[in-house]
Amino acid sequence: MFRNDGQPEGTVGSDNLIYLITSLVDSDPSVHVHTVDMSADGVVGRIYKFKIRTYNVVGYVDSNALSVALASLPSKPSTVPVSIPSGTN
């Protein structure tokens, strides 16, 4: 599995999916799910692209890229939400 650096589209390197996800065990064909932890080097607000490369005896093939926005939880509201009967069903 590879990813890019999350740079905005059109910038140098934005389409280069060169960062190998080393936490993925690539010698186990039974792996169907893998979690990528972006807390160490990810930047909230950037869109990261990922692709999977599969190998067999004649070579390899890459999947199409998947784009994922790195987001965080919103801040807690400063006031408690209230129901206004005249404007709420």
N, C-alpha and C. Protein backbone atom coordinates (compact mmCIF):
# COMPACT_ATOMS: atom_id res chain seq x y z
N MET A 1 0.85 -1.16 0.00
CA MET A 1 0.00 0.00 0.00
C MET A 1 0.90 1.22 0.00
N PHE A 2 0.51 2.20 -0.81
CA PHE A 2 1.27 3.44 -0.94
C PHE A 2 0.34 4.63 -0.70
N ARG A 3 0.94 5.77 -0.34
CA ARG A 3 0.18 7.02 -0.22
C ARG A 3 1.05 8.18 -0.70
N ASN A 4 0.38 9.32 -0.94
CA ASN A 4 1.13 10.52 -1.30
C ASN A 4 1.35 11.37 -0.05
N ASP A 5 1.85 12.60 -0.24
CA ASP A 5 2.15 13.45 0.92
C ASP A 5 1.01 14.39 1.28
N GLY A 6 -0.13 14.27 0.59
CA GLY A 6 -1.29 15.08 0.92
C GLY A 6 -1.23 16.51 0.42
N GLN A 7 -0.25 16.83 -0.41
CA GLN A 7 -0.16 18.18 -0.95
C GLN A 7 -1.34 18.45 -1.88
N PRO A 8 -1.79 19.71 -1.98
CA PRO A 8 -2.92 20.05 -2.84
C PRO A 8 -2.69 19.65 -4.29
N GLU A 9 -3.78 19.32 -4.99
CA GLU A 9 -3.72 18.96 -6.40
C GLU A 9 -2.94 20.01 -7.19
N GLY A 10 -2.13 19.56 -8.10
CA GLY A 10 -1.38 20.46 -8.96
C GLY A 10 -0.02 20.87 -8.42
N THR A 11 0.25 20.62 -7.15
CA THR A 11 1.56 20.95 -6.61
C THR A 11 2.52 19.80 -6.90
N VAL A 12 3.79 20.08 -6.86
CA VAL A 12 4.80 19.07 -7.15
C VAL A 12 4.68 17.92 -6.15
N GLY A 13 4.56 16.72 -6.65
CA GLY A 13 4.50 15.54 -5.81
C GLY A 13 3.11 15.14 -5.35
N SER A 14 2.08 15.92 -5.69
CA SER A 14 0.74 15.61 -5.20
C SER A 14 0.22 14.29 -5.73
N ASP A 15 0.65 13.89 -6.92
CA ASP A 15 0.19 12.62 -7.50
C ASP A 15 1.18 11.48 -7.30
N ASN A 16 2.30 11.73 -6.66
CA ASN A 16 3.30 10.69 -6.45
C ASN A 16 2.96 9.87 -5.22
N LEU A 17 2.42 8.69 -5.44
CA LEU A 17 2.08 7.80 -4.33
C LEU A 17 3.31 6.94 -4.05
N ILE A 18 4.28 7.55 -3.37
CA ILE A 18 5.58 6.89 -3.19
C ILE A 18 5.85 6.45 -1.77
N TYR A 19 5.01 6.90 -0.81
CA TYR A 19 5.25 6.53 0.58
C TYR A 19 4.67 5.16 0.85
N LEU A 20 5.54 4.19 1.10
CA LEU A 20 5.12 2.82 1.37
C LEU A 20 4.59 2.72 2.79
N ILE A 21 3.41 2.13 2.95
CA ILE A 21 2.83 1.90 4.28
C ILE A 21 3.48 0.65 4.84
N THR A 22 4.50 0.83 5.67
CA THR A 22 5.30 -0.30 6.14
C THR A 22 4.61 -1.12 7.23
N SER A 23 3.55 -0.58 7.83
CA SER A 23 2.85 -1.33 8.88
C SER A 23 1.98 -2.45 8.31
N LEU A 24 1.75 -2.44 7.00
CA LEU A 24 0.95 -3.48 6.37
C LEU A 24 1.80 -4.73 6.14
N VAL A 25 1.33 -5.86 6.62
CA VAL A 25 2.03 -7.13 6.39
C VAL A 25 1.71 -7.56 4.96
N ASP A 26 2.67 -7.40 4.06
CA ASP A 26 2.37 -7.66 2.65
C ASP A 26 2.61 -9.10 2.21
N SER A 27 2.97 -9.97 3.14
CA SER A 27 3.20 -11.37 2.76
C SER A 27 2.06 -12.28 3.24
N ASP A 28 0.97 -11.71 3.74
CA ASP A 28 -0.15 -12.48 4.25
C ASP A 28 -1.38 -12.23 3.37
N PRO A 29 -1.74 -13.18 2.50
CA PRO A 29 -2.87 -12.97 1.58
C PRO A 29 -4.23 -12.95 2.28
N SER A 30 -4.30 -13.28 3.55
CA SER A 30 -5.59 -13.27 4.25
C SER A 30 -5.93 -11.90 4.84
N VAL A 31 -5.06 -10.91 4.70
CA VAL A 31 -5.33 -9.57 5.24
C VAL A 31 -6.37 -8.89 4.34
N HIS A 32 -7.51 -8.52 4.95
CA HIS A 32 -8.58 -7.85 4.20
C HIS A 32 -8.80 -6.42 4.67
N VAL A 33 -8.28 -6.08 5.86
CA VAL A 33 -8.48 -4.76 6.44
C VAL A 33 -7.15 -4.29 7.03
N HIS A 34 -6.87 -3.02 6.85
CA HIS A 34 -5.67 -2.44 7.46
C HIS A 34 -5.96 -1.00 7.84
N THR A 35 -5.56 -0.60 9.04
CA THR A 35 -5.76 0.77 9.52
C THR A 35 -4.46 1.53 9.37
N VAL A 36 -4.53 2.71 8.78
CA VAL A 36 -3.36 3.57 8.62
C VAL A 36 -3.47 4.69 9.65
N ASP A 37 -2.50 4.78 10.55
CA ASP A 37 -2.48 5.79 11.60
C ASP A 37 -1.76 7.02 11.08
N MET A 38 -2.49 8.09 10.87
CA MET A 38 -1.92 9.33 10.34
C MET A 38 -1.65 10.35 11.46
N SER A 39 -1.76 9.94 12.73
CA SER A 39 -1.61 10.89 13.83
C SER A 39 -0.19 11.44 13.95
N ALA A 40 0.80 10.71 13.50
CA ALA A 40 2.19 11.16 13.64
C ALA A 40 2.61 12.15 12.56
N ASP A 41 2.22 11.90 11.31
CA ASP A 41 2.72 12.77 10.23
C ASP A 41 1.63 13.32 9.33
N GLY A 42 0.37 13.06 9.63
CA GLY A 42 -0.72 13.59 8.82
C GLY A 42 -1.05 15.02 9.18
N VAL A 43 -1.55 15.78 8.22
CA VAL A 43 -1.94 17.17 8.44
C VAL A 43 -3.45 17.27 8.22
N VAL A 44 -4.17 17.68 9.26
CA VAL A 44 -5.62 17.81 9.16
C VAL A 44 -5.96 18.81 8.06
N GLY A 45 -6.90 18.44 7.21
CA GLY A 45 -7.32 19.30 6.11
C GLY A 45 -6.73 18.89 4.77
N ARG A 46 -5.68 18.10 4.79
CA ARG A 46 -5.11 17.63 3.52
C ARG A 46 -5.86 16.40 3.02
N ILE A 47 -5.81 16.21 1.72
CA ILE A 47 -6.44 15.04 1.11
C ILE A 47 -5.33 14.10 0.66
N TYR A 48 -5.34 12.89 1.22
CA TYR A 48 -4.31 11.90 0.94
C TYR A 48 -4.85 10.87 -0.05
N LYS A 49 -3.98 10.45 -0.95
CA LYS A 49 -4.33 9.40 -1.90
C LYS A 49 -3.62 8.12 -1.51
N PHE A 50 -4.33 7.01 -1.67
CA PHE A 50 -3.80 5.69 -1.37
C PHE A 50 -4.00 4.77 -2.56
N LYS A 51 -3.10 3.80 -2.72
CA LYS A 51 -3.29 2.75 -3.72
C LYS A 51 -2.69 1.46 -3.17
N ILE A 52 -3.17 0.37 -3.71
CA ILE A 52 -2.67 -0.95 -3.32
C ILE A 52 -1.97 -1.57 -4.52
N ARG A 53 -0.83 -2.16 -4.28
CA ARG A 53 -0.08 -2.86 -5.33
C ARG A 53 -0.11 -4.35 -5.01
N THR A 54 -0.56 -5.14 -5.96
CA THR A 54 -0.60 -6.59 -5.76
C THR A 54 0.41 -7.26 -6.69
N TYR A 55 1.02 -8.31 -6.17
CA TYR A 55 2.07 -9.03 -6.90
C TYR A 55 1.65 -10.46 -7.17
N ASN A 56 2.16 -11.01 -8.28
CA ASN A 56 2.10 -12.44 -8.52
C ASN A 56 3.37 -12.83 -9.29
N VAL A 57 3.43 -14.04 -9.81
CA VAL A 57 4.66 -14.53 -10.43
C VAL A 57 5.06 -13.77 -11.70
N VAL A 58 4.12 -13.09 -12.36
CA VAL A 58 4.46 -12.39 -13.59
C VAL A 58 4.68 -10.89 -13.40
N GLY A 59 4.46 -10.39 -12.19
CA GLY A 59 4.69 -8.96 -11.96
C GLY A 59 3.73 -8.39 -10.95
N TYR A 60 3.32 -7.14 -11.16
CA TYR A 60 2.40 -6.48 -10.23
C TYR A 60 1.43 -5.59 -10.99
N VAL A 61 0.38 -5.21 -10.29
CA VAL A 61 -0.60 -4.27 -10.82
C VAL A 61 -1.03 -3.35 -9.67
N ASP A 62 -1.26 -2.07 -9.99
CA ASP A 62 -1.69 -1.08 -9.00
C ASP A 62 -3.19 -0.85 -9.10
N SER A 63 -3.83 -0.64 -7.96
CA SER A 63 -5.24 -0.27 -7.95
C SER A 63 -5.38 1.20 -8.35
N ASN A 64 -6.61 1.62 -8.59
CA ASN A 64 -6.87 3.05 -8.76
C ASN A 64 -6.64 3.72 -7.41
N ALA A 65 -6.31 4.99 -7.42
CA ALA A 65 -6.08 5.72 -6.18
C ALA A 65 -7.40 6.08 -5.51
N LEU A 66 -7.39 6.05 -4.20
CA LEU A 66 -8.53 6.45 -3.38
C LEU A 66 -8.12 7.69 -2.61
N SER A 67 -8.93 8.75 -2.67
CA SER A 67 -8.63 9.99 -1.96
C SER A 67 -9.41 10.03 -0.65
N VAL A 68 -8.71 10.41 0.43
CA VAL A 68 -9.32 10.47 1.76
C VAL A 68 -8.91 11.78 2.42
N ALA A 69 -9.90 12.54 2.92
CA ALA A 69 -9.61 13.78 3.64
C ALA A 69 -9.30 13.45 5.09
N LEU A 70 -8.21 13.98 5.60
CA LEU A 70 -7.86 13.78 7.00
C LEU A 70 -8.58 14.86 7.81
N ALA A 71 -9.46 14.42 8.69
CA ALA A 71 -10.26 15.36 9.48
C ALA A 71 -10.09 15.06 10.96
N SER A 72 -10.59 15.96 11.77
CA SER A 72 -10.57 15.77 13.22
C SER A 72 -11.98 15.99 13.75
N LEU A 73 -12.18 15.65 15.01
CA LEU A 73 -13.47 15.88 15.62
C LEU A 73 -13.70 17.37 15.79
N PRO A 74 -14.94 17.84 15.61
CA PRO A 74 -15.19 19.26 15.82
C PRO A 74 -15.09 19.62 17.30
N SER A 75 -14.88 20.88 17.57
CA SER A 75 -14.81 21.36 18.96
C SER A 75 -16.16 21.22 19.64
N LYS A 76 -16.14 21.07 20.95
CA LYS A 76 -17.36 20.99 21.74
C LYS A 76 -18.05 22.36 21.70
N PRO A 77 -19.38 22.38 21.51
CA PRO A 77 -20.08 23.68 21.50
C PRO A 77 -19.90 24.41 22.82
N SER A 78 -19.83 25.73 22.76
CA SER A 78 -19.65 26.53 23.98
C SER A 78 -20.93 26.59 24.80
N THR A 79 -22.08 26.44 24.16
CA THR A 79 -23.36 26.42 24.88
C THR A 79 -24.09 25.12 24.56
N VAL A 80 -24.93 24.70 25.49
CA VAL A 80 -25.69 23.46 25.32
C VAL A 80 -26.80 23.69 24.31
N PRO A 81 -27.00 22.77 23.35
CA PRO A 81 -28.10 22.92 22.40
C PRO A 81 -29.45 22.91 23.12
N VAL A 82 -30.39 23.69 22.62
CA VAL A 82 -31.73 23.75 23.20
C VAL A 82 -32.76 23.54 22.11
N SER A 83 -33.94 23.10 22.48
CA SER A 83 -35.03 22.92 21.56
C SER A 83 -35.94 24.16 21.65
N ILE A 84 -36.24 24.73 20.50
CA ILE A 84 -37.16 25.88 20.44
C ILE A 84 -38.46 25.38 19.84
N PRO A 85 -39.48 25.18 20.64
CA PRO A 85 -40.73 24.58 20.17
C PRO A 85 -41.35 25.27 18.96
N SER A 86 -41.21 26.57 18.86
CA SER A 86 -41.83 27.28 17.73
C SER A 86 -41.14 26.99 16.41
N GLY A 87 -39.90 26.52 16.46
CA GLY A 87 -39.17 26.25 15.22
C GLY A 87 -38.78 24.80 15.03
N THR A 88 -39.25 23.94 15.95
CA THR A 88 -38.86 22.53 15.90
C THR A 88 -40.12 21.66 15.90
N ASN A 89 -40.14 20.63 15.09
CA ASN A 89 -41.28 19.70 15.10
C ASN A 89 -41.06 18.66 16.17
